[in-house]
Amino acid sequence: MKNLLSLLFLLSLVSSNYAQKTTEWNFKPYFDRYGVDGCFVLFDEANNEFIRYNPAGCDSGFIPASTFKIPHSVIALEEDVVSDTDQVIPWDGHEWQAQKWNQDQTLGTAIKYSCVWVYTGFAGKIGIDKYRKYVQAFDYGNKNLNGPPTRFWLAGEFRISANQQIAFLRKFYHDDLPVSKESIEKVKKLIVLEKGDDWTLSGKTGGGVLNDNDYVM
């Protein structure tokens, strides 16, 4: 079984103008502890520096799975399939194994609980052609959405590497995407995990089945 730790991101508010540096750290013991293969990439914006473990792994593409919920939520707001982050999205009564899915949702709870049915519902309303335009405009992953049109981020040929995730997140946090700043700011608030006096930790997990033996997250 393989695991890919595809998304670790550090962003500060201090900008820098000097050339980007790359430093390799040995995180192998941490992955070995759990018997998995993986990679680590962090961009320290204050020092304009990439910190990586397993650079080849950081450049390998994998299905985005629920990490796509960050751009997906922005797209849903832009397309007005949901008007705000607290709009109630009615549950249709289908019983899911994940108990937190078996209730009405909002965009906030859908991200928090990684509620797939909310996003497949969005996909049915938005349509694959619009998604193609957005992922091209976002320069997101390999931009190949061949696969189930309402589940293309979970199955099919869509791939994104850890390095590409960082590139997208830098644009996202700098409001450098061709969408409204309002939509971006709403999603930024939804993915906050913890806050301190002078720091904020944000993120979104994602995992998916690659084949009978391999799982990525």
N, C-alpha and C. Protein backbone atom coordinates (compact mmCIF):
# COMPACT_ATOMS: atom_id res chain seq x y z
N MET A 1 0.85 -1.18 0.00
CA MET A 1 0.00 0.00 0.00
C MET A 1 0.89 1.24 0.00
N LYS A 2 0.55 2.16 -0.86
CA LYS A 2 1.33 3.39 -0.94
C LYS A 2 0.52 4.56 -0.41
N ASN A 3 1.20 5.47 0.16
CA ASN A 3 0.60 6.72 0.60
C ASN A 3 1.41 7.86 0.03
N LEU A 4 0.77 8.87 -0.42
CA LEU A 4 1.49 10.07 -0.85
C LEU A 4 0.98 11.24 -0.04
N LEU A 5 1.84 11.83 0.74
CA LEU A 5 1.46 13.03 1.47
C LEU A 5 1.63 14.19 0.51
N SER A 6 0.52 14.62 -0.08
CA SER A 6 0.60 15.49 -1.25
C SER A 6 0.42 16.95 -0.96
N LEU A 7 0.16 17.29 0.29
CA LEU A 7 -0.14 18.69 0.47
C LEU A 7 0.26 19.18 1.85
N LEU A 8 1.39 19.87 1.93
CA LEU A 8 1.77 20.57 3.15
C LEU A 8 2.24 21.95 2.72
N PHE A 9 1.67 22.97 3.28
CA PHE A 9 1.90 24.31 2.73
C PHE A 9 2.06 25.33 3.84
N LEU A 10 3.10 26.12 3.76
CA LEU A 10 3.32 27.19 4.73
C LEU A 10 3.32 28.51 4.00
N LEU A 11 2.50 29.44 4.45
CA LEU A 11 2.41 30.74 3.81
C LEU A 11 2.51 31.82 4.85
N SER A 12 3.44 32.75 4.68
CA SER A 12 3.51 33.90 5.56
C SER A 12 3.11 35.14 4.78
N LEU A 13 2.96 36.25 5.46
CA LEU A 13 2.54 37.48 4.82
C LEU A 13 3.72 38.34 4.38
N VAL A 14 4.95 37.86 4.57
CA VAL A 14 6.13 38.63 4.20
C VAL A 14 6.58 38.21 2.82
N SER A 15 6.71 39.17 1.91
CA SER A 15 7.12 38.85 0.54
C SER A 15 8.63 38.92 0.42
N SER A 16 9.15 38.36 -0.66
CA SER A 16 10.59 38.36 -0.88
C SER A 16 10.89 38.49 -2.36
N ASN A 17 12.02 39.10 -2.69
CA ASN A 17 12.35 39.35 -4.08
C ASN A 17 13.58 38.56 -4.55
N TYR A 18 14.26 37.85 -3.66
CA TYR A 18 15.45 37.14 -4.10
C TYR A 18 15.09 35.76 -4.63
N ALA A 19 16.06 35.11 -5.30
CA ALA A 19 15.81 33.85 -6.00
C ALA A 19 15.34 32.77 -5.04
N GLN A 20 14.49 31.91 -5.56
CA GLN A 20 13.97 30.82 -4.74
C GLN A 20 15.07 29.80 -4.44
N LYS A 21 15.07 29.31 -3.21
CA LYS A 21 16.01 28.28 -2.80
C LYS A 21 15.26 26.97 -2.66
N THR A 22 15.99 25.88 -2.75
CA THR A 22 15.42 24.56 -2.50
C THR A 22 16.31 23.82 -1.52
N THR A 23 15.70 23.32 -0.46
CA THR A 23 16.43 22.56 0.55
C THR A 23 15.76 21.20 0.69
N GLU A 24 16.57 20.15 0.73
CA GLU A 24 16.04 18.80 0.91
C GLU A 24 16.22 18.37 2.36
N TRP A 25 15.13 17.90 2.95
CA TRP A 25 15.16 17.37 4.31
C TRP A 25 14.86 15.88 4.26
N ASN A 26 15.40 15.15 5.20
CA ASN A 26 15.17 13.71 5.24
C ASN A 26 14.02 13.38 6.19
N PHE A 27 12.84 13.21 5.61
CA PHE A 27 11.68 12.83 6.41
C PHE A 27 11.37 11.33 6.29
N LYS A 28 12.30 10.57 5.69
CA LYS A 28 12.05 9.15 5.48
C LYS A 28 11.68 8.42 6.78
N PRO A 29 12.35 8.68 7.91
CA PRO A 29 11.98 7.95 9.13
C PRO A 29 10.51 8.13 9.53
N TYR A 30 9.94 9.29 9.23
CA TYR A 30 8.54 9.53 9.60
C TYR A 30 7.59 8.70 8.73
N PHE A 31 7.93 8.55 7.46
CA PHE A 31 7.12 7.71 6.59
C PHE A 31 7.34 6.23 6.91
N ASP A 32 8.61 5.86 7.18
CA ASP A 32 8.92 4.47 7.51
C ASP A 32 8.19 4.02 8.77
N ARG A 33 7.98 4.94 9.69
CA ARG A 33 7.30 4.60 10.94
C ARG A 33 5.92 4.01 10.68
N TYR A 34 5.29 4.47 9.60
CA TYR A 34 3.95 3.98 9.26
C TYR A 34 3.95 3.04 8.06
N GLY A 35 5.13 2.70 7.58
CA GLY A 35 5.25 1.74 6.49
C GLY A 35 4.68 2.22 5.17
N VAL A 36 4.87 3.50 4.89
CA VAL A 36 4.32 4.06 3.64
C VAL A 36 5.40 4.79 2.86
N ASP A 37 5.17 4.93 1.55
CA ASP A 37 5.99 5.78 0.70
C ASP A 37 5.33 7.15 0.64
N GLY A 38 6.13 8.18 0.52
CA GLY A 38 5.51 9.50 0.46
C GLY A 38 6.49 10.59 0.12
N CYS A 39 5.99 11.79 0.06
CA CYS A 39 6.82 12.95 -0.19
C CYS A 39 6.32 14.11 0.65
N PHE A 40 7.14 15.14 0.73
CA PHE A 40 6.81 16.32 1.51
C PHE A 40 7.30 17.53 0.73
N VAL A 41 6.44 18.52 0.58
CA VAL A 41 6.88 19.78 -0.02
C VAL A 41 6.25 20.93 0.75
N LEU A 42 7.07 21.90 1.08
CA LEU A 42 6.63 23.08 1.80
C LEU A 42 7.26 24.29 1.13
N PHE A 43 6.48 25.34 0.95
CA PHE A 43 7.05 26.59 0.45
C PHE A 43 6.99 27.63 1.55
N ASP A 44 8.16 28.07 1.97
CA ASP A 44 8.30 29.10 2.99
C ASP A 44 8.38 30.44 2.27
N GLU A 45 7.28 31.17 2.23
CA GLU A 45 7.24 32.39 1.44
C GLU A 45 8.08 33.49 2.05
N ALA A 46 8.21 33.51 3.37
CA ALA A 46 9.02 34.54 4.01
C ALA A 46 10.47 34.48 3.53
N ASN A 47 10.97 33.25 3.31
CA ASN A 47 12.36 33.06 2.88
C ASN A 47 12.47 32.65 1.42
N ASN A 48 11.34 32.63 0.71
CA ASN A 48 11.32 32.26 -0.71
C ASN A 48 12.04 30.93 -0.94
N GLU A 49 11.66 29.94 -0.13
CA GLU A 49 12.39 28.68 -0.13
C GLU A 49 11.44 27.48 -0.18
N PHE A 50 11.77 26.52 -1.05
CA PHE A 50 11.09 25.23 -1.06
C PHE A 50 11.86 24.27 -0.15
N ILE A 51 11.12 23.52 0.63
CA ILE A 51 11.70 22.45 1.45
C ILE A 51 11.03 21.16 1.01
N ARG A 52 11.83 20.18 0.60
CA ARG A 52 11.26 18.96 0.03
C ARG A 52 11.91 17.72 0.61
N TYR A 53 11.09 16.68 0.63
CA TYR A 53 11.60 15.32 0.82
C TYR A 53 11.06 14.51 -0.35
N ASN A 54 11.92 13.71 -0.98
CA ASN A 54 11.57 12.88 -2.13
C ASN A 54 11.10 13.77 -3.30
N PRO A 55 12.01 14.53 -3.91
CA PRO A 55 11.64 15.43 -4.99
C PRO A 55 10.93 14.75 -6.15
N ALA A 56 11.34 13.52 -6.48
CA ALA A 56 10.67 12.81 -7.58
C ALA A 56 9.21 12.55 -7.24
N GLY A 57 8.95 12.17 -5.98
CA GLY A 57 7.58 11.97 -5.55
C GLY A 57 6.77 13.25 -5.59
N CYS A 58 7.40 14.36 -5.24
CA CYS A 58 6.71 15.66 -5.25
C CYS A 58 6.33 16.08 -6.66
N ASP A 59 6.99 15.49 -7.65
CA ASP A 59 6.71 15.85 -9.04
C ASP A 59 5.80 14.83 -9.72
N SER A 60 5.38 13.81 -9.00
CA SER A 60 4.51 12.77 -9.57
C SER A 60 3.05 13.14 -9.41
N GLY A 61 2.27 12.91 -10.45
CA GLY A 61 0.86 13.26 -10.42
C GLY A 61 -0.01 12.15 -9.86
N PHE A 62 -0.98 12.53 -9.05
CA PHE A 62 -1.95 11.59 -8.48
C PHE A 62 -3.34 12.21 -8.56
N ILE A 63 -4.35 11.36 -8.46
CA ILE A 63 -5.73 11.84 -8.49
C ILE A 63 -5.91 12.88 -7.37
N PRO A 64 -6.53 14.03 -7.64
CA PRO A 64 -6.64 15.05 -6.60
C PRO A 64 -7.60 14.70 -5.47
N ALA A 65 -8.60 13.87 -5.77
CA ALA A 65 -9.58 13.47 -4.75
C ALA A 65 -10.11 14.71 -4.03
N SER A 66 -10.23 14.64 -2.70
CA SER A 66 -10.90 15.72 -1.99
C SER A 66 -10.05 16.98 -1.83
N THR A 67 -8.75 16.94 -2.20
CA THR A 67 -8.01 18.20 -2.23
C THR A 67 -8.62 19.14 -3.27
N PHE A 68 -9.34 18.57 -4.25
CA PHE A 68 -9.99 19.39 -5.28
C PHE A 68 -11.15 20.21 -4.69
N LYS A 69 -11.55 19.90 -3.47
CA LYS A 69 -12.65 20.66 -2.87
C LYS A 69 -12.31 22.14 -2.67
N ILE A 70 -11.03 22.48 -2.63
CA ILE A 70 -10.67 23.90 -2.53
C ILE A 70 -11.06 24.63 -3.81
N PRO A 71 -10.49 24.27 -4.99
CA PRO A 71 -10.95 24.95 -6.20
C PRO A 71 -12.41 24.68 -6.51
N HIS A 72 -12.90 23.48 -6.18
CA HIS A 72 -14.28 23.13 -6.48
C HIS A 72 -15.25 24.06 -5.76
N SER A 73 -14.94 24.39 -4.51
CA SER A 73 -15.81 25.29 -3.75
C SER A 73 -15.80 26.69 -4.34
N VAL A 74 -14.63 27.14 -4.79
CA VAL A 74 -14.55 28.43 -5.47
C VAL A 74 -15.42 28.42 -6.73
N ILE A 75 -15.31 27.35 -7.50
CA ILE A 75 -16.09 27.23 -8.74
C ILE A 75 -17.58 27.23 -8.44
N ALA A 76 -18.00 26.49 -7.42
CA ALA A 76 -19.42 26.43 -7.06
C ALA A 76 -19.96 27.81 -6.69
N LEU A 77 -19.17 28.58 -5.97
CA LEU A 77 -19.59 29.94 -5.61
C LEU A 77 -19.63 30.84 -6.84
N GLU A 78 -18.63 30.71 -7.70
CA GLU A 78 -18.59 31.53 -8.92
C GLU A 78 -19.77 31.23 -9.84
N GLU A 79 -20.14 29.96 -9.90
CA GLU A 79 -21.24 29.54 -10.79
C GLU A 79 -22.60 29.70 -10.12
N ASP A 80 -22.60 30.13 -8.87
CA ASP A 80 -23.83 30.41 -8.12
C ASP A 80 -24.71 29.18 -7.96
N VAL A 81 -24.10 27.99 -7.92
CA VAL A 81 -24.88 26.80 -7.58
C VAL A 81 -25.09 26.73 -6.07
N VAL A 82 -24.28 27.50 -5.36
CA VAL A 82 -24.50 27.73 -3.94
C VAL A 82 -24.20 29.21 -3.73
N SER A 83 -25.10 29.91 -3.04
CA SER A 83 -24.99 31.36 -2.97
C SER A 83 -24.06 31.84 -1.87
N ASP A 84 -23.92 31.04 -0.82
CA ASP A 84 -23.06 31.43 0.28
C ASP A 84 -22.63 30.20 1.05
N THR A 85 -21.70 30.38 1.97
CA THR A 85 -21.13 29.22 2.66
C THR A 85 -22.06 28.62 3.70
N ASP A 86 -23.10 29.35 4.09
CA ASP A 86 -24.04 28.81 5.07
C ASP A 86 -25.40 28.43 4.47
N GLN A 87 -25.49 28.46 3.14
CA GLN A 87 -26.73 28.02 2.49
C GLN A 87 -26.95 26.53 2.75
N VAL A 88 -28.16 26.15 3.11
CA VAL A 88 -28.46 24.75 3.41
C VAL A 88 -28.61 23.96 2.11
N ILE A 89 -27.89 22.84 2.03
CA ILE A 89 -27.97 21.93 0.89
C ILE A 89 -28.68 20.67 1.39
N PRO A 90 -29.93 20.45 0.97
CA PRO A 90 -30.74 19.38 1.56
C PRO A 90 -30.19 17.99 1.27
N TRP A 91 -30.20 17.15 2.29
CA TRP A 91 -29.85 15.73 2.15
C TRP A 91 -31.03 15.01 1.53
N ASP A 92 -30.75 14.10 0.58
CA ASP A 92 -31.84 13.41 -0.12
C ASP A 92 -32.30 12.14 0.57
N GLY A 93 -31.71 11.83 1.73
CA GLY A 93 -32.12 10.65 2.48
C GLY A 93 -31.32 9.41 2.20
N HIS A 94 -30.44 9.46 1.20
CA HIS A 94 -29.59 8.29 0.93
C HIS A 94 -28.64 8.07 2.11
N GLU A 95 -28.56 6.84 2.56
CA GLU A 95 -27.70 6.50 3.71
C GLU A 95 -26.28 6.20 3.24
N TRP A 96 -25.35 6.96 3.79
CA TRP A 96 -23.94 6.78 3.47
C TRP A 96 -23.22 6.15 4.67
N GLN A 97 -22.08 5.52 4.38
CA GLN A 97 -21.31 4.92 5.46
C GLN A 97 -20.77 5.99 6.40
N ALA A 98 -20.38 7.13 5.84
CA ALA A 98 -19.92 8.25 6.66
C ALA A 98 -21.14 8.94 7.28
N GLN A 99 -21.33 8.78 8.57
CA GLN A 99 -22.55 9.26 9.23
C GLN A 99 -22.73 10.76 9.13
N LYS A 100 -21.65 11.52 9.09
CA LYS A 100 -21.74 12.97 9.00
C LYS A 100 -22.32 13.43 7.67
N TRP A 101 -22.36 12.53 6.68
CA TRP A 101 -22.94 12.87 5.37
C TRP A 101 -24.47 12.76 5.39
N ASN A 102 -25.00 12.04 6.36
CA ASN A 102 -26.43 11.73 6.38
C ASN A 102 -27.24 12.83 7.07
N GLN A 103 -27.12 14.01 6.53
CA GLN A 103 -27.83 15.17 7.07
C GLN A 103 -27.72 16.32 6.07
N ASP A 104 -28.50 17.35 6.27
CA ASP A 104 -28.34 18.55 5.45
C ASP A 104 -26.92 19.09 5.63
N GLN A 105 -26.42 19.73 4.58
CA GLN A 105 -25.06 20.25 4.62
C GLN A 105 -25.05 21.74 4.26
N THR A 106 -23.94 22.37 4.55
CA THR A 106 -23.60 23.67 3.99
C THR A 106 -22.27 23.50 3.29
N LEU A 107 -21.81 24.53 2.61
CA LEU A 107 -20.49 24.42 1.99
C LEU A 107 -19.42 24.21 3.06
N GLY A 108 -19.62 24.85 4.21
CA GLY A 108 -18.67 24.69 5.30
C GLY A 108 -18.59 23.27 5.83
N THR A 109 -19.74 22.64 6.05
CA THR A 109 -19.72 21.27 6.56
C THR A 109 -19.30 20.29 5.47
N ALA A 110 -19.62 20.60 4.23
CA ALA A 110 -19.24 19.70 3.12
C ALA A 110 -17.73 19.61 2.99
N ILE A 111 -17.05 20.74 3.18
CA ILE A 111 -15.58 20.71 3.17
C ILE A 111 -15.06 20.01 4.43
N LYS A 112 -15.60 20.37 5.57
CA LYS A 112 -15.13 19.81 6.83
C LYS A 112 -15.25 18.29 6.87
N TYR A 113 -16.39 17.77 6.41
CA TYR A 113 -16.62 16.33 6.45
C TYR A 113 -16.30 15.64 5.13
N SER A 114 -15.78 16.40 4.17
CA SER A 114 -15.43 15.86 2.85
C SER A 114 -16.61 15.12 2.24
N CYS A 115 -17.74 15.79 2.21
CA CYS A 115 -19.01 15.18 1.80
C CYS A 115 -19.12 15.11 0.28
N VAL A 116 -18.88 13.93 -0.25
CA VAL A 116 -18.80 13.75 -1.70
C VAL A 116 -20.11 14.07 -2.41
N TRP A 117 -21.26 13.69 -1.81
CA TRP A 117 -22.51 13.87 -2.55
C TRP A 117 -22.83 15.34 -2.82
N VAL A 118 -22.35 16.23 -1.96
CA VAL A 118 -22.57 17.66 -2.21
C VAL A 118 -21.85 18.07 -3.49
N TYR A 119 -20.64 17.60 -3.67
CA TYR A 119 -19.83 18.05 -4.81
C TYR A 119 -20.20 17.33 -6.11
N THR A 120 -20.63 16.08 -6.02
CA THR A 120 -21.13 15.44 -7.24
C THR A 120 -22.43 16.13 -7.68
N GLY A 121 -23.19 16.61 -6.71
CA GLY A 121 -24.39 17.39 -7.04
C GLY A 121 -24.03 18.69 -7.74
N PHE A 122 -23.01 19.38 -7.24
CA PHE A 122 -22.54 20.59 -7.92
C PHE A 122 -22.13 20.27 -9.35
N ALA A 123 -21.39 19.18 -9.51
CA ALA A 123 -20.87 18.82 -10.83
C ALA A 123 -21.99 18.57 -11.83
N GLY A 124 -23.07 17.94 -11.35
CA GLY A 124 -24.20 17.71 -12.24
C GLY A 124 -24.84 19.00 -12.72
N LYS A 125 -24.78 20.05 -11.90
CA LYS A 125 -25.37 21.33 -12.28
C LYS A 125 -24.41 22.19 -13.11
N ILE A 126 -23.14 22.10 -12.83
CA ILE A 126 -22.18 22.98 -13.50
C ILE A 126 -21.80 22.47 -14.88
N GLY A 127 -21.59 21.19 -15.02
CA GLY A 127 -21.25 20.60 -16.32
C GLY A 127 -19.76 20.57 -16.58
N ILE A 128 -19.32 19.52 -17.23
CA ILE A 128 -17.89 19.27 -17.42
C ILE A 128 -17.21 20.33 -18.25
N ASP A 129 -17.91 20.94 -19.22
CA ASP A 129 -17.27 21.94 -20.08
C ASP A 129 -16.82 23.16 -19.27
N LYS A 130 -17.61 23.56 -18.30
CA LYS A 130 -17.21 24.70 -17.47
C LYS A 130 -16.02 24.34 -16.58
N TYR A 131 -16.01 23.11 -16.07
CA TYR A 131 -14.86 22.69 -15.27
C TYR A 131 -13.58 22.73 -16.10
N ARG A 132 -13.67 22.32 -17.34
CA ARG A 132 -12.47 22.34 -18.20
C ARG A 132 -11.93 23.76 -18.31
N LYS A 133 -12.81 24.73 -18.45
CA LYS A 133 -12.38 26.12 -18.55
C LYS A 133 -11.72 26.59 -17.26
N TYR A 134 -12.30 26.20 -16.13
CA TYR A 134 -11.73 26.63 -14.85
C TYR A 134 -10.36 26.01 -14.60
N VAL A 135 -10.21 24.70 -14.82
CA VAL A 135 -8.91 24.09 -14.52
C VAL A 135 -7.84 24.59 -15.48
N GLN A 136 -8.24 24.95 -16.70
CA GLN A 136 -7.28 25.58 -17.61
C GLN A 136 -6.88 26.95 -17.08
N ALA A 137 -7.86 27.72 -16.66
CA ALA A 137 -7.58 29.07 -16.15
C ALA A 137 -6.77 29.02 -14.86
N PHE A 138 -7.01 28.01 -14.02
CA PHE A 138 -6.27 27.86 -12.78
C PHE A 138 -4.90 27.21 -12.99
N ASP A 139 -4.67 26.65 -14.18
CA ASP A 139 -3.46 25.88 -14.46
C ASP A 139 -3.31 24.77 -13.43
N TYR A 140 -4.39 24.03 -13.24
CA TYR A 140 -4.48 23.07 -12.15
C TYR A 140 -4.16 21.66 -12.64
N GLY A 141 -3.06 21.09 -12.16
CA GLY A 141 -2.70 19.72 -12.49
C GLY A 141 -2.48 19.50 -13.97
N ASN A 142 -2.82 18.29 -14.43
CA ASN A 142 -2.64 17.99 -15.85
C ASN A 142 -3.82 18.44 -16.71
N LYS A 143 -4.86 18.96 -16.08
CA LYS A 143 -6.03 19.54 -16.76
C LYS A 143 -6.82 18.51 -17.57
N ASN A 144 -6.55 17.24 -17.34
CA ASN A 144 -7.22 16.18 -18.10
C ASN A 144 -8.42 15.67 -17.30
N LEU A 145 -9.60 16.09 -17.71
CA LEU A 145 -10.81 15.72 -16.97
C LEU A 145 -11.54 14.54 -17.59
N ASN A 146 -10.85 13.77 -18.41
CA ASN A 146 -11.46 12.57 -18.97
C ASN A 146 -11.76 11.58 -17.84
N GLY A 147 -13.00 11.25 -17.72
CA GLY A 147 -13.45 10.38 -16.65
C GLY A 147 -14.92 10.63 -16.39
N PRO A 148 -15.47 10.08 -15.32
CA PRO A 148 -16.88 10.30 -15.00
C PRO A 148 -17.15 11.80 -14.83
N PRO A 149 -18.08 12.38 -15.59
CA PRO A 149 -18.24 13.84 -15.58
C PRO A 149 -18.67 14.43 -14.25
N THR A 150 -19.27 13.62 -13.37
CA THR A 150 -19.64 14.16 -12.05
C THR A 150 -18.73 13.63 -10.94
N ARG A 151 -17.64 12.94 -11.34
CA ARG A 151 -16.68 12.41 -10.35
C ARG A 151 -15.26 12.44 -10.90
N PHE A 152 -14.98 13.35 -11.81
CA PHE A 152 -13.69 13.34 -12.51
C PHE A 152 -12.50 13.54 -11.58
N TRP A 153 -12.71 14.16 -10.42
CA TRP A 153 -11.61 14.38 -9.47
C TRP A 153 -11.38 13.14 -8.60
N LEU A 154 -12.26 12.15 -8.69
CA LEU A 154 -12.15 10.92 -7.91
C LEU A 154 -11.74 9.72 -8.75
N ALA A 155 -12.02 9.77 -10.05
CA ALA A 155 -11.71 8.65 -10.94
C ALA A 155 -11.48 9.20 -12.34
N GLY A 156 -10.62 8.56 -13.10
CA GLY A 156 -10.33 9.03 -14.45
C GLY A 156 -8.87 9.40 -14.59
N GLU A 157 -8.58 10.37 -15.45
CA GLU A 157 -7.20 10.70 -15.81
C GLU A 157 -6.70 12.01 -15.21
N PHE A 158 -7.50 12.63 -14.38
CA PHE A 158 -7.11 13.89 -13.73
C PHE A 158 -5.99 13.61 -12.73
N ARG A 159 -4.89 14.37 -12.80
CA ARG A 159 -3.75 14.18 -11.92
C ARG A 159 -3.16 15.54 -11.50
N ILE A 160 -2.64 15.58 -10.29
CA ILE A 160 -1.92 16.76 -9.82
C ILE A 160 -0.81 16.30 -8.89
N SER A 161 0.34 16.96 -9.00
CA SER A 161 1.47 16.62 -8.13
C SER A 161 1.47 17.52 -6.90
N ALA A 162 2.28 17.16 -5.93
CA ALA A 162 2.43 18.00 -4.74
C ALA A 162 2.98 19.38 -5.12
N ASN A 163 3.94 19.41 -6.04
CA ASN A 163 4.49 20.69 -6.49
C ASN A 163 3.41 21.54 -7.16
N GLN A 164 2.56 20.92 -7.96
CA GLN A 164 1.48 21.65 -8.62
C GLN A 164 0.45 22.13 -7.60
N GLN A 165 0.23 21.35 -6.55
CA GLN A 165 -0.68 21.80 -5.49
C GLN A 165 -0.15 23.10 -4.88
N ILE A 166 1.16 23.14 -4.61
CA ILE A 166 1.76 24.34 -4.04
C ILE A 166 1.60 25.53 -4.98
N ALA A 167 1.83 25.30 -6.27
CA ALA A 167 1.70 26.38 -7.25
C ALA A 167 0.28 26.94 -7.25
N PHE A 168 -0.72 26.03 -7.21
CA PHE A 168 -2.11 26.50 -7.16
C PHE A 168 -2.40 27.26 -5.88
N LEU A 169 -1.95 26.73 -4.74
CA LEU A 169 -2.24 27.36 -3.45
C LEU A 169 -1.60 28.74 -3.32
N ARG A 170 -0.44 28.91 -3.93
CA ARG A 170 0.17 30.24 -3.89
C ARG A 170 -0.70 31.24 -4.64
N LYS A 171 -1.24 30.84 -5.78
CA LYS A 171 -2.16 31.72 -6.51
C LYS A 171 -3.43 31.97 -5.70
N PHE A 172 -3.93 30.92 -5.09
CA PHE A 172 -5.15 31.01 -4.29
C PHE A 172 -4.98 32.01 -3.14
N TYR A 173 -3.89 31.88 -2.41
CA TYR A 173 -3.68 32.76 -1.25
C TYR A 173 -3.29 34.18 -1.62
N HIS A 174 -2.81 34.37 -2.83
CA HIS A 174 -2.49 35.72 -3.29
C HIS A 174 -3.63 36.32 -4.13
N ASP A 175 -4.80 35.64 -4.14
CA ASP A 175 -5.94 36.13 -4.93
C ASP A 175 -5.55 36.32 -6.40
N ASP A 176 -4.75 35.39 -6.89
CA ASP A 176 -4.23 35.49 -8.25
C ASP A 176 -4.88 34.46 -9.17
N LEU A 177 -6.18 34.26 -8.99
CA LEU A 177 -6.96 33.38 -9.85
C LEU A 177 -8.02 34.22 -10.57
N PRO A 178 -8.41 33.84 -11.79
CA PRO A 178 -9.37 34.64 -12.56
C PRO A 178 -10.81 34.44 -12.09
N VAL A 179 -11.02 34.67 -10.80
CA VAL A 179 -12.35 34.58 -10.19
C VAL A 179 -12.46 35.73 -9.20
N SER A 180 -13.63 35.90 -8.61
CA SER A 180 -13.82 37.01 -7.68
C SER A 180 -13.05 36.79 -6.39
N LYS A 181 -12.52 37.87 -5.85
CA LYS A 181 -11.83 37.80 -4.57
C LYS A 181 -12.78 37.34 -3.48
N GLU A 182 -14.05 37.69 -3.60
CA GLU A 182 -15.06 37.30 -2.60
C GLU A 182 -15.16 35.79 -2.48
N SER A 183 -15.19 35.10 -3.62
CA SER A 183 -15.27 33.63 -3.60
C SER A 183 -14.03 33.02 -2.96
N ILE A 184 -12.87 33.56 -3.30
CA ILE A 184 -11.63 33.04 -2.73
C ILE A 184 -11.60 33.25 -1.22
N GLU A 185 -11.98 34.44 -0.77
CA GLU A 185 -11.93 34.73 0.66
C GLU A 185 -12.88 33.83 1.45
N LYS A 186 -14.04 33.54 0.87
CA LYS A 186 -14.99 32.65 1.56
C LYS A 186 -14.40 31.26 1.75
N VAL A 187 -13.74 30.77 0.72
CA VAL A 187 -13.17 29.42 0.81
C VAL A 187 -11.95 29.41 1.74
N LYS A 188 -11.16 30.47 1.73
CA LYS A 188 -10.04 30.55 2.67
C LYS A 188 -10.53 30.36 4.11
N LYS A 189 -11.63 30.98 4.44
CA LYS A 189 -12.16 30.87 5.80
C LYS A 189 -12.63 29.45 6.11
N LEU A 190 -13.15 28.75 5.09
CA LEU A 190 -13.69 27.40 5.30
C LEU A 190 -12.61 26.37 5.58
N ILE A 191 -11.39 26.61 5.12
CA ILE A 191 -10.36 25.58 5.26
C ILE A 191 -9.41 25.87 6.43
N VAL A 192 -9.75 26.84 7.27
CA VAL A 192 -8.94 27.08 8.46
C VAL A 192 -9.15 25.94 9.45
N LEU A 193 -8.06 25.33 9.89
CA LEU A 193 -8.11 24.21 10.83
C LEU A 193 -7.84 24.65 12.26
N GLU A 194 -6.86 25.51 12.42
CA GLU A 194 -6.50 26.02 13.74
C GLU A 194 -5.95 27.43 13.60
N LYS A 195 -6.08 28.22 14.67
CA LYS A 195 -5.53 29.57 14.67
C LYS A 195 -4.86 29.87 16.01
N GLY A 196 -3.78 30.61 15.94
CA GLY A 196 -3.12 31.11 17.14
C GLY A 196 -3.08 32.62 17.09
N ASP A 197 -2.34 33.21 17.99
CA ASP A 197 -2.26 34.67 18.04
C ASP A 197 -1.64 35.26 16.78
N ASP A 198 -0.64 34.57 16.25
CA ASP A 198 0.05 35.11 15.08
C ASP A 198 0.27 34.07 13.99
N TRP A 199 -0.60 33.06 13.95
CA TRP A 199 -0.49 32.04 12.91
C TRP A 199 -1.86 31.42 12.60
N THR A 200 -1.95 30.89 11.39
CA THR A 200 -3.17 30.19 10.95
C THR A 200 -2.76 28.94 10.20
N LEU A 201 -3.34 27.82 10.56
CA LEU A 201 -3.12 26.55 9.86
C LEU A 201 -4.36 26.23 9.06
N SER A 202 -4.18 26.12 7.74
CA SER A 202 -5.29 25.78 6.85
C SER A 202 -4.93 24.54 6.06
N GLY A 203 -5.94 23.82 5.59
CA GLY A 203 -5.64 22.64 4.80
C GLY A 203 -6.88 21.87 4.38
N LYS A 204 -6.66 20.90 3.50
CA LYS A 204 -7.71 20.00 3.06
C LYS A 204 -7.09 18.66 2.73
N THR A 205 -7.58 17.61 3.37
CA THR A 205 -7.09 16.26 3.08
C THR A 205 -7.76 15.72 1.82
N GLY A 206 -7.19 14.65 1.31
CA GLY A 206 -7.80 13.96 0.17
C GLY A 206 -7.21 12.58 0.04
N GLY A 207 -8.01 11.61 -0.32
CA GLY A 207 -7.52 10.26 -0.51
C GLY A 207 -8.33 9.54 -1.57
N GLY A 208 -7.68 8.61 -2.26
CA GLY A 208 -8.39 7.88 -3.30
C GLY A 208 -7.74 6.55 -3.62
N VAL A 209 -8.49 5.66 -4.20
CA VAL A 209 -8.01 4.34 -4.59
C VAL A 209 -7.44 4.41 -6.00
N LEU A 210 -6.17 3.98 -6.14
CA LEU A 210 -5.54 3.96 -7.46
C LEU A 210 -5.78 2.64 -8.17
N ASN A 211 -5.69 1.54 -7.42
CA ASN A 211 -5.93 0.21 -7.95
C ASN A 211 -6.19 -0.71 -6.76
N ASP A 212 -6.15 -2.00 -7.00
CA ASP A 212 -6.49 -2.94 -5.93
C ASP A 212 -5.53 -2.88 -4.74
N ASN A 213 -4.31 -2.40 -4.99
CA ASN A 213 -3.31 -2.44 -3.93
C ASN A 213 -2.84 -1.06 -3.46
N ASP A 214 -3.08 -0.04 -4.25
CA ASP A 214 -2.50 1.26 -3.95
C ASP A 214 -3.56 2.29 -3.62
N TYR A 215 -3.25 3.07 -2.60
CA TYR A 215 -4.13 4.12 -2.14
C TYR A 215 -3.31 5.39 -1.98
N VAL A 216 -3.85 6.52 -2.38
CA VAL A 216 -3.11 7.76 -2.28
C VAL A 216 -3.85 8.72 -1.36
N MET A 217 -3.07 9.47 -0.54
CA MET A 217 -3.69 10.50 0.27
C MET A 217 -2.71 11.60 0.60
